[in-house]
Amino acid sequence: MSNTAMEQANDTSTSNTDQRLTDLEIKASFTEDLLDQLDKVIVRQQQQIDALIHEIAELKQQPVRDGDVVVGRSLRDELPPHF
């Protein structure tokens, strides 16, 4: 193989490696962005879960008025209308 052919092969190899490296950097960047988005979703969902737990705890604490009588409230005693 001549010097020129070896140089062209080396240039092609370097170019191929550079392209592969660039592609990997792009994929890593997109992966980081996706990870940040998913992290935000998880934080938002955890905040919603915490708010719902707090709301349920408050509902369990509230007494129910049945006429003039205040009755303790049990969510298990209350069935939805379709039952």
N, C-alpha and C. Protein backbone atom coordinates (compact mmCIF):
# COMPACT_ATOMS: atom_id res chain seq x y z
N MET A 1 0.85 -1.16 0.00
CA MET A 1 0.00 0.00 0.00
C MET A 1 0.90 1.23 0.00
N SER A 2 0.58 2.20 -0.84
CA SER A 2 1.41 3.40 -0.95
C SER A 2 1.13 4.35 0.20
N ASN A 3 2.02 5.31 0.34
CA ASN A 3 1.87 6.30 1.40
C ASN A 3 0.56 7.06 1.26
N THR A 4 0.21 7.42 0.05
CA THR A 4 -1.02 8.17 -0.21
C THR A 4 -2.24 7.35 0.17
N ALA A 5 -2.25 6.09 -0.17
CA ALA A 5 -3.37 5.22 0.16
C ALA A 5 -3.48 5.06 1.67
N MET A 6 -2.34 4.94 2.35
CA MET A 6 -2.36 4.81 3.82
C MET A 6 -2.88 6.09 4.47
N GLU A 7 -2.48 7.24 3.94
CA GLU A 7 -2.95 8.51 4.49
C GLU A 7 -4.45 8.67 4.29
N GLN A 8 -4.94 8.27 3.12
CA GLN A 8 -6.37 8.35 2.85
C GLN A 8 -7.14 7.41 3.78
N ALA A 9 -6.63 6.22 4.00
CA ALA A 9 -7.27 5.26 4.89
C ALA A 9 -7.27 5.79 6.32
N ASN A 10 -6.17 6.40 6.73
CA ASN A 10 -6.06 6.97 8.06
C ASN A 10 -7.03 8.15 8.23
N ASP A 11 -7.12 9.00 7.18
CA ASP A 11 -8.03 10.13 7.22
C ASP A 11 -9.48 9.65 7.31
N THR A 12 -9.80 8.60 6.56
CA THR A 12 -11.15 8.04 6.58
C THR A 12 -11.46 7.48 7.96
N SER A 13 -10.50 6.79 8.54
CA SER A 13 -10.68 6.23 9.88
C SER A 13 -10.88 7.32 10.92
N THR A 14 -10.07 8.38 10.83
CA THR A 14 -10.19 9.51 11.75
C THR A 14 -11.53 10.20 11.57
N SER A 15 -11.94 10.39 10.32
CA SER A 15 -13.22 11.02 10.03
C SER A 15 -14.37 10.18 10.57
N ASN A 16 -14.29 8.86 10.39
CA ASN A 16 -15.30 7.95 10.88
C ASN A 16 -15.36 8.01 12.41
N THR A 17 -14.21 8.03 13.05
CA THR A 17 -14.15 8.11 14.51
C THR A 17 -14.73 9.43 15.00
N ASP A 18 -14.38 10.52 14.33
CA ASP A 18 -14.91 11.83 14.69
C ASP A 18 -16.44 11.85 14.56
N GLN A 19 -16.95 11.27 13.49
CA GLN A 19 -18.39 11.24 13.28
C GLN A 19 -19.08 10.41 14.36
N ARG A 20 -18.50 9.27 14.69
CA ARG A 20 -19.06 8.41 15.74
C ARG A 20 -19.05 9.13 17.08
N LEU A 21 -17.96 9.86 17.37
CA LEU A 21 -17.86 10.61 18.61
C LEU A 21 -18.91 11.71 18.66
N THR A 22 -19.09 12.41 17.55
CA THR A 22 -20.11 13.45 17.47
C THR A 22 -21.50 12.86 17.70
N ASP A 23 -21.78 11.73 17.05
CA ASP A 23 -23.07 11.07 17.23
C ASP A 23 -23.30 10.68 18.69
N LEU A 24 -22.28 10.16 19.34
CA LEU A 24 -22.41 9.79 20.75
C LEU A 24 -22.64 11.01 21.64
N GLU A 25 -21.97 12.11 21.34
CA GLU A 25 -22.17 13.34 22.11
C GLU A 25 -23.60 13.85 21.95
N ILE A 26 -24.14 13.77 20.74
CA ILE A 26 -25.52 14.19 20.50
C ILE A 26 -26.48 13.30 21.28
N LYS A 27 -26.27 12.00 21.22
CA LYS A 27 -27.13 11.07 21.96
C LYS A 27 -27.05 11.33 23.46
N ALA A 28 -25.86 11.59 23.97
CA ALA A 28 -25.69 11.87 25.40
C ALA A 28 -26.44 13.14 25.79
N SER A 29 -26.39 14.13 24.92
CA SER A 29 -27.09 15.39 25.19
C SER A 29 -28.60 15.17 25.25
N PHE A 30 -29.14 14.43 24.28
CA PHE A 30 -30.57 14.14 24.29
C PHE A 30 -30.95 13.30 25.51
N THR A 31 -30.09 12.39 25.90
CA THR A 31 -30.36 11.55 27.06
C THR A 31 -30.40 12.39 28.33
N GLU A 32 -29.48 13.34 28.45
CA GLU A 32 -29.48 14.23 29.62
C GLU A 32 -30.75 15.06 29.66
N ASP A 33 -31.18 15.58 28.52
CA ASP A 33 -32.42 16.36 28.47
C ASP A 33 -33.62 15.51 28.88
N LEU A 34 -33.68 14.30 28.37
CA LEU A 34 -34.78 13.40 28.71
C LEU A 34 -34.77 13.08 30.20
N LEU A 35 -33.61 12.83 30.75
CA LEU A 35 -33.48 12.55 32.18
C LEU A 35 -33.96 13.73 33.01
N ASP A 36 -33.62 14.94 32.61
CA ASP A 36 -34.09 16.14 33.32
C ASP A 36 -35.61 16.25 33.26
N GLN A 37 -36.19 15.98 32.09
CA GLN A 37 -37.64 16.04 31.96
C GLN A 37 -38.32 14.99 32.84
N LEU A 38 -37.80 13.78 32.83
CA LEU A 38 -38.37 12.71 33.65
C LEU A 38 -38.25 13.03 35.13
N ASP A 39 -37.14 13.63 35.52
CA ASP A 39 -36.94 14.01 36.91
C ASP A 39 -37.99 15.04 37.33
N LYS A 40 -38.28 16.01 36.46
CA LYS A 40 -39.31 17.01 36.76
C LYS A 40 -40.69 16.36 36.89
N VAL A 41 -40.97 15.38 36.05
CA VAL A 41 -42.26 14.67 36.13
C VAL A 41 -42.36 13.93 37.46
N ILE A 42 -41.30 13.28 37.86
CA ILE A 42 -41.31 12.54 39.12
C ILE A 42 -41.51 13.49 40.30
N VAL A 43 -40.83 14.62 40.29
CA VAL A 43 -40.98 15.60 41.38
C VAL A 43 -42.42 16.10 41.43
N ARG A 44 -43.01 16.43 40.26
CA ARG A 44 -44.39 16.90 40.22
C ARG A 44 -45.37 15.84 40.73
N GLN A 45 -45.16 14.60 40.32
CA GLN A 45 -46.04 13.52 40.75
C GLN A 45 -45.92 13.29 42.26
N GLN A 46 -44.72 13.39 42.80
CA GLN A 46 -44.55 13.21 44.23
C GLN A 46 -45.24 14.33 45.00
N GLN A 47 -45.18 15.55 44.47
CA GLN A 47 -45.88 16.66 45.11
C GLN A 47 -47.39 16.43 45.09
N GLN A 48 -47.90 15.91 43.98
CA GLN A 48 -49.33 15.61 43.89
C GLN A 48 -49.71 14.50 44.87
N ILE A 49 -48.90 13.48 44.98
CA ILE A 49 -49.16 12.38 45.92
C ILE A 49 -49.16 12.91 47.34
N ASP A 50 -48.18 13.73 47.69
CA ASP A 50 -48.12 14.31 49.03
C ASP A 50 -49.35 15.15 49.33
N ALA A 51 -49.79 15.95 48.36
CA ALA A 51 -50.98 16.78 48.55
C ALA A 51 -52.22 15.91 48.75
N LEU A 52 -52.34 14.84 47.99
CA LEU A 52 -53.49 13.94 48.13
C LEU A 52 -53.47 13.22 49.48
N ILE A 53 -52.32 12.81 49.93
CA ILE A 53 -52.22 12.16 51.25
C ILE A 53 -52.65 13.13 52.33
N HIS A 54 -52.20 14.39 52.22
CA HIS A 54 -52.58 15.41 53.19
C HIS A 54 -54.08 15.65 53.17
N GLU A 55 -54.66 15.73 51.97
CA GLU A 55 -56.10 15.95 51.83
C GLU A 55 -56.90 14.79 52.41
N ILE A 56 -56.47 13.57 52.18
CA ILE A 56 -57.16 12.41 52.73
C ILE A 56 -57.09 12.43 54.26
N ALA A 57 -55.93 12.78 54.79
CA ALA A 57 -55.78 12.85 56.25
C ALA A 57 -56.73 13.89 56.83
N GLU A 58 -56.87 15.03 56.15
CA GLU A 58 -57.80 16.06 56.63
C GLU A 58 -59.24 15.59 56.55
N LEU A 59 -59.59 14.90 55.49
CA LEU A 59 -60.96 14.38 55.35
C LEU A 59 -61.28 13.36 56.43
N LYS A 60 -60.31 12.56 56.80
CA LYS A 60 -60.54 11.56 57.85
C LYS A 60 -60.76 12.22 59.20
N GLN A 61 -60.20 13.41 59.39
CA GLN A 61 -60.32 14.11 60.67
C GLN A 61 -61.65 14.85 60.81
N GLN A 62 -62.32 15.16 59.71
CA GLN A 62 -63.54 15.95 59.76
C GLN A 62 -64.72 15.11 60.23
N PRO A 63 -65.46 15.62 61.22
CA PRO A 63 -66.68 14.92 61.63
C PRO A 63 -67.79 15.17 60.61
N VAL A 64 -68.75 14.27 60.56
CA VAL A 64 -69.87 14.39 59.64
C VAL A 64 -71.10 14.75 60.45
N ARG A 65 -71.85 15.72 59.97
CA ARG A 65 -73.09 16.11 60.67
C ARG A 65 -74.25 15.30 60.08
N ASP A 66 -74.95 14.62 60.94
CA ASP A 66 -76.15 13.86 60.53
C ASP A 66 -77.31 14.49 61.27
N GLY A 67 -77.95 15.48 60.68
CA GLY A 67 -78.97 16.25 61.39
C GLY A 67 -78.27 17.12 62.41
N ASP A 68 -78.63 16.96 63.68
CA ASP A 68 -77.99 17.71 64.76
C ASP A 68 -76.91 16.90 65.44
N VAL A 69 -76.77 15.64 65.07
CA VAL A 69 -75.82 14.75 65.72
C VAL A 69 -74.52 14.73 64.92
N VAL A 70 -73.41 14.91 65.62
CA VAL A 70 -72.12 14.82 64.96
C VAL A 70 -71.65 13.38 65.04
N VAL A 71 -71.38 12.78 63.90
CA VAL A 71 -71.01 11.38 63.83
C VAL A 71 -69.57 11.28 63.34
N GLY A 72 -68.81 10.35 63.89
CA GLY A 72 -67.46 10.11 63.38
C GLY A 72 -67.54 9.60 61.95
N ARG A 73 -66.61 9.96 61.16
CA ARG A 73 -66.65 9.61 59.74
C ARG A 73 -65.69 8.47 59.45
N SER A 74 -66.21 7.44 58.81
CA SER A 74 -65.37 6.34 58.36
C SER A 74 -65.59 6.17 56.87
N LEU A 75 -64.54 6.30 56.11
CA LEU A 75 -64.67 6.18 54.66
C LEU A 75 -65.09 4.78 54.25
N ARG A 76 -64.82 3.80 55.07
CA ARG A 76 -65.21 2.41 54.73
C ARG A 76 -66.71 2.21 54.86
N ASP A 77 -67.37 3.00 55.73
CA ASP A 77 -68.81 2.88 55.89
C ASP A 77 -69.58 3.54 54.76
N GLU A 78 -68.92 4.42 54.05
CA GLU A 78 -69.58 5.14 52.97
C GLU A 78 -69.35 4.42 51.64
N LEU A 79 -70.43 3.95 51.05
CA LEU A 79 -70.33 3.29 49.76
C LEU A 79 -70.79 4.25 48.67
N PRO A 80 -70.16 4.21 47.53
CA PRO A 80 -70.63 5.03 46.41
C PRO A 80 -72.03 4.61 46.00
N PRO A 81 -72.78 5.49 45.35
CA PRO A 81 -74.17 5.20 44.98
C PRO A 81 -74.35 3.97 44.12
N HIS A 82 -73.37 3.57 43.37
CA HIS A 82 -73.54 2.43 42.45
C HIS A 82 -73.38 1.09 43.15
N PHE A 83 -73.13 1.08 44.47
CA PHE A 83 -73.00 -0.20 45.17
C PHE A 83 -74.27 -0.59 45.84
